[in-house]
Amino acid sequence: MDNTFGIFSLLFFGCGVYAIYAWAKMKKDGHINETLLLGKNYFEYTCKDKEMFLKKAQPAVLTFGIVSVIYGVIDFVHYYVMPIQILDYIAMASFLACIVWYMVYTTKLKREFF
């Protein structure tokens, strides 16, 4: 299919891969990924309880990464392999719901631990 919106599928896929990589790195070295979890006004060294923050945040990062990868793959297939519009809409709705949940959840964590 000749559709320029299909390029976003690669963006979503890449975002998901990065989130999964960040989850694995946080699990391995115990540092908070400031890009995905904190934003520009928060810093890892100001966290009140870093271990508990990571324990609560890591499942959210992994969930966001998996949902992003799945949506990226479904969207890519829809635009470049074969049209699967209903599945693409379901995946898009799931992805958008996951983003909203992720933002709300991580904002609550920031309020609690910073």
C-alpha atoms as a PDB file:
ATOM      1  CA  MET A   1       0.000   0.000   0.000  1.00  0.00           C
ATOM      2  CA  ASP A   2       1.184   3.462  -0.799  1.00  0.00           C
ATOM      3  CA  ASN A   3       0.501   5.373   2.388  1.00  0.00           C
ATOM      4  CA  THR A   4       2.907   7.712   4.139  1.00  0.00           C
ATOM      5  CA  PHE A   5       1.246   7.189   7.522  1.00  0.00           C
ATOM      6  CA  GLY A   6       2.721   3.702   7.581  1.00  0.00           C
ATOM      7  CA  ILE A   7       6.089   5.203   8.514  1.00  0.00           C
ATOM      8  CA  PHE A   8       4.664   5.816  11.990  1.00  0.00           C
ATOM      9  CA  SER A   9       4.550   2.063  12.486  1.00  0.00           C
ATOM     10  CA  LEU A  10       8.346   2.036  12.466  1.00  0.00           C
ATOM     11  CA  LEU A  11       8.356   4.852  15.006  1.00  0.00           C
ATOM     12  CA  PHE A  12       6.000   2.959  17.323  1.00  0.00           C
ATOM     13  CA  PHE A  13       8.020  -0.232  16.900  1.00  0.00           C
ATOM     14  CA  GLY A  14      11.275   1.589  17.645  1.00  0.00           C
ATOM     15  CA  CYS A  15       9.757   3.261  20.678  1.00  0.00           C
ATOM     16  CA  GLY A  16       8.660  -0.117  21.992  1.00  0.00           C
ATOM     17  CA  VAL A  17      12.066  -1.677  21.405  1.00  0.00           C
ATOM     18  CA  TYR A  18      13.685   1.235  23.264  1.00  0.00           C
ATOM     19  CA  ALA A  19      11.256   0.842  26.182  1.00  0.00           C
ATOM     20  CA  ILE A  20      12.022  -2.878  26.440  1.00  0.00           C
ATOM     21  CA  TYR A  21      15.752  -2.121  26.265  1.00  0.00           C
ATOM     22  CA  ALA A  22      15.354   0.535  28.987  1.00  0.00           C
ATOM     23  CA  TRP A  23      13.413  -1.941  31.153  1.00  0.00           C
ATOM     24  CA  ALA A  24      16.179  -4.540  30.823  1.00  0.00           C
ATOM     25  CA  LYS A  25      18.878  -1.952  31.553  1.00  0.00           C
ATOM     26  CA  MET A  26      17.013  -0.649  34.615  1.00  0.00           C
ATOM     27  CA  LYS A  27      16.560  -4.209  35.860  1.00  0.00           C
ATOM     28  CA  LYS A  28      20.261  -4.941  35.360  1.00  0.00           C
ATOM     29  CA  ASP A  29      21.972  -1.800  36.680  1.00  0.00           C
ATOM     30  CA  GLY A  30      19.334  -0.324  39.024  1.00  0.00           C
ATOM     31  CA  HIS A  31      19.329   3.176  37.521  1.00  0.00           C
ATOM     32  CA  ILE A  32      16.151   5.054  36.627  1.00  0.00           C
ATOM     33  CA  ASN A  33      15.721   5.803  32.923  1.00  0.00           C
ATOM     34  CA  GLU A  34      15.130   9.544  33.128  1.00  0.00           C
ATOM     35  CA  THR A  35      13.942   9.791  29.528  1.00  0.00           C
ATOM     36  CA  LEU A  36      11.015   7.398  29.897  1.00  0.00           C
ATOM     37  CA  LEU A  37      10.109   7.941  33.520  1.00  0.00           C
ATOM     38  CA  LEU A  38      11.088  11.341  34.832  1.00  0.00           C
ATOM     39  CA  GLY A  39      11.117  14.205  32.369  1.00  0.00           C
ATOM     40  CA  LYS A  40      13.261  17.305  32.524  1.00  0.00           C
ATOM     41  CA  ASN A  41      12.365  18.627  35.989  1.00  0.00           C
ATOM     42  CA  TYR A  42      13.150  15.406  37.888  1.00  0.00           C
ATOM     43  CA  PHE A  43      16.500  13.766  38.560  1.00  0.00           C
ATOM     44  CA  GLU A  44      17.379  10.277  39.745  1.00  0.00           C
ATOM     45  CA  TYR A  45      19.446  11.498  42.692  1.00  0.00           C
ATOM     46  CA  THR A  46      16.428  13.316  44.200  1.00  0.00           C
ATOM     47  CA  CYS A  47      14.309  10.152  44.434  1.00  0.00           C
ATOM     48  CA  LYS A  48      13.218   9.352  48.005  1.00  0.00           C
ATOM     49  CA  ASP A  49      13.238   5.551  47.537  1.00  0.00           C
ATOM     50  CA  LYS A  50      14.836   4.540  44.251  1.00  0.00           C
ATOM     51  CA  GLU A  51      14.444   0.778  44.726  1.00  0.00           C
ATOM     52  CA  MET A  52      10.708   1.026  45.385  1.00  0.00           C
ATOM     53  CA  PHE A  53      10.272   3.477  42.508  1.00  0.00           C
ATOM     54  CA  LEU A  54      11.986   1.043  40.146  1.00  0.00           C
ATOM     55  CA  LYS A  55       9.968  -1.872  41.506  1.00  0.00           C
ATOM     56  CA  LYS A  56       6.726  -0.022  40.738  1.00  0.00           C
ATOM     57  CA  ALA A  57       7.837   1.580  37.450  1.00  0.00           C
ATOM     58  CA  GLN A  58       9.485  -1.349  35.689  1.00  0.00           C
ATOM     59  CA  PRO A  59       6.261  -3.269  34.941  1.00  0.00           C
ATOM     60  CA  ALA A  60       4.769  -0.119  33.415  1.00  0.00           C
ATOM     61  CA  VAL A  61       7.793   0.394  31.168  1.00  0.00           C
ATOM     62  CA  LEU A  62       7.708  -3.234  30.057  1.00  0.00           C
ATOM     63  CA  THR A  63       3.958  -3.104  29.368  1.00  0.00           C
ATOM     64  CA  PHE A  64       4.349   0.102  27.376  1.00  0.00           C
ATOM     65  CA  GLY A  65       7.198  -1.436  25.387  1.00  0.00           C
ATOM     66  CA  ILE A  66       5.318  -4.630  24.547  1.00  0.00           C
ATOM     67  CA  VAL A  67       2.144  -2.785  23.526  1.00  0.00           C
ATOM     68  CA  SER A  68       4.180  -0.389  21.365  1.00  0.00           C
ATOM     69  CA  VAL A  69       6.007  -3.218  19.598  1.00  0.00           C
ATOM     70  CA  ILE A  70       2.776  -5.105  18.949  1.00  0.00           C
ATOM     71  CA  TYR A  71       1.049  -2.000  17.599  1.00  0.00           C
ATOM     72  CA  GLY A  72       4.058  -1.152  15.436  1.00  0.00           C
ATOM     73  CA  VAL A  73       4.066  -4.609  13.875  1.00  0.00           C
ATOM     74  CA  ILE A  74       0.292  -4.654  13.295  1.00  0.00           C
ATOM     75  CA  ASP A  75       0.364  -1.155  11.817  1.00  0.00           C
ATOM     76  CA  PHE A  76       3.286  -2.057   9.540  1.00  0.00           C
ATOM     77  CA  VAL A  77       1.490  -5.159   8.298  1.00  0.00           C
ATOM     78  CA  HIS A  78      -1.675  -3.142   7.738  1.00  0.00           C
ATOM     79  CA  TYR A  79       0.032  -0.482   5.621  1.00  0.00           C
ATOM     80  CA  TYR A  80       2.663  -2.490   3.764  1.00  0.00           C
ATOM     81  CA  VAL A  81       1.637  -6.156   3.600  1.00  0.00           C
ATOM     82  CA  MET A  82      -2.135  -6.553   3.698  1.00  0.00           C
ATOM     83  CA  PRO A  83      -4.940  -4.342   4.956  1.00  0.00           C
ATOM     84  CA  ILE A  84      -6.257  -5.465   8.329  1.00  0.00           C
ATOM     85  CA  GLN A  85      -8.164  -2.373   9.274  1.00  0.00           C
ATOM     86  CA  ILE A  86     -10.245  -3.702  12.182  1.00  0.00           C
ATOM     87  CA  LEU A  87      -7.202  -5.233  13.894  1.00  0.00           C
ATOM     88  CA  ASP A  88      -5.264  -2.026  13.266  1.00  0.00           C
ATOM     89  CA  TYR A  89      -8.027   0.032  14.911  1.00  0.00           C
ATOM     90  CA  ILE A  90      -8.126  -2.306  17.905  1.00  0.00           C
ATOM     91  CA  ALA A  91      -4.348  -2.152  18.248  1.00  0.00           C
ATOM     92  CA  MET A  92      -4.394   1.637  17.909  1.00  0.00           C
ATOM     93  CA  ALA A  93      -7.042   1.971  20.616  1.00  0.00           C
ATOM     94  CA  SER A  94      -5.035  -0.335  22.876  1.00  0.00           C
ATOM     95  CA  PHE A  95      -1.867   1.645  22.211  1.00  0.00           C
ATOM     96  CA  LEU A  96      -3.560   4.977  22.953  1.00  0.00           C
ATOM     97  CA  ALA A  97      -5.127   3.597  26.133  1.00  0.00           C
ATOM     98  CA  CYS A  98      -1.721   2.276  27.183  1.00  0.00           C
ATOM     99  CA  ILE A  99      -0.085   5.674  26.618  1.00  0.00           C
ATOM    100  CA  VAL A 100      -2.720   7.441  28.715  1.00  0.00           C
ATOM    101  CA  TRP A 101      -2.416   4.832  31.481  1.00  0.00           C
ATOM    102  CA  TYR A 102       1.401   5.037  31.372  1.00  0.00           C
ATOM    103  CA  MET A 103       1.399   8.824  31.661  1.00  0.00           C
ATOM    104  CA  VAL A 104      -1.087   8.857  34.527  1.00  0.00           C
ATOM    105  CA  TYR A 105       0.680   6.041  36.379  1.00  0.00           C
ATOM    106  CA  THR A 106       4.195   7.477  36.063  1.00  0.00           C
ATOM    107  CA  THR A 107       2.948  10.937  37.073  1.00  0.00           C
ATOM    108  CA  LYS A 108       1.497   9.441  40.253  1.00  0.00           C
ATOM    109  CA  LEU A 109       4.790   7.669  40.910  1.00  0.00           C
ATOM    110  CA  LYS A 110       6.714  10.920  40.467  1.00  0.00           C
ATOM    111  CA  ARG A 111       4.436  12.675  42.958  1.00  0.00           C
ATOM    112  CA  GLU A 112       4.921   9.857  45.444  1.00  0.00           C
ATOM    113  CA  PHE A 113       8.680   9.463  45.195  1.00  0.00           C
ATOM    114  CA  PHE A 114       9.986  12.933  44.341  1.00  0.00           C
END
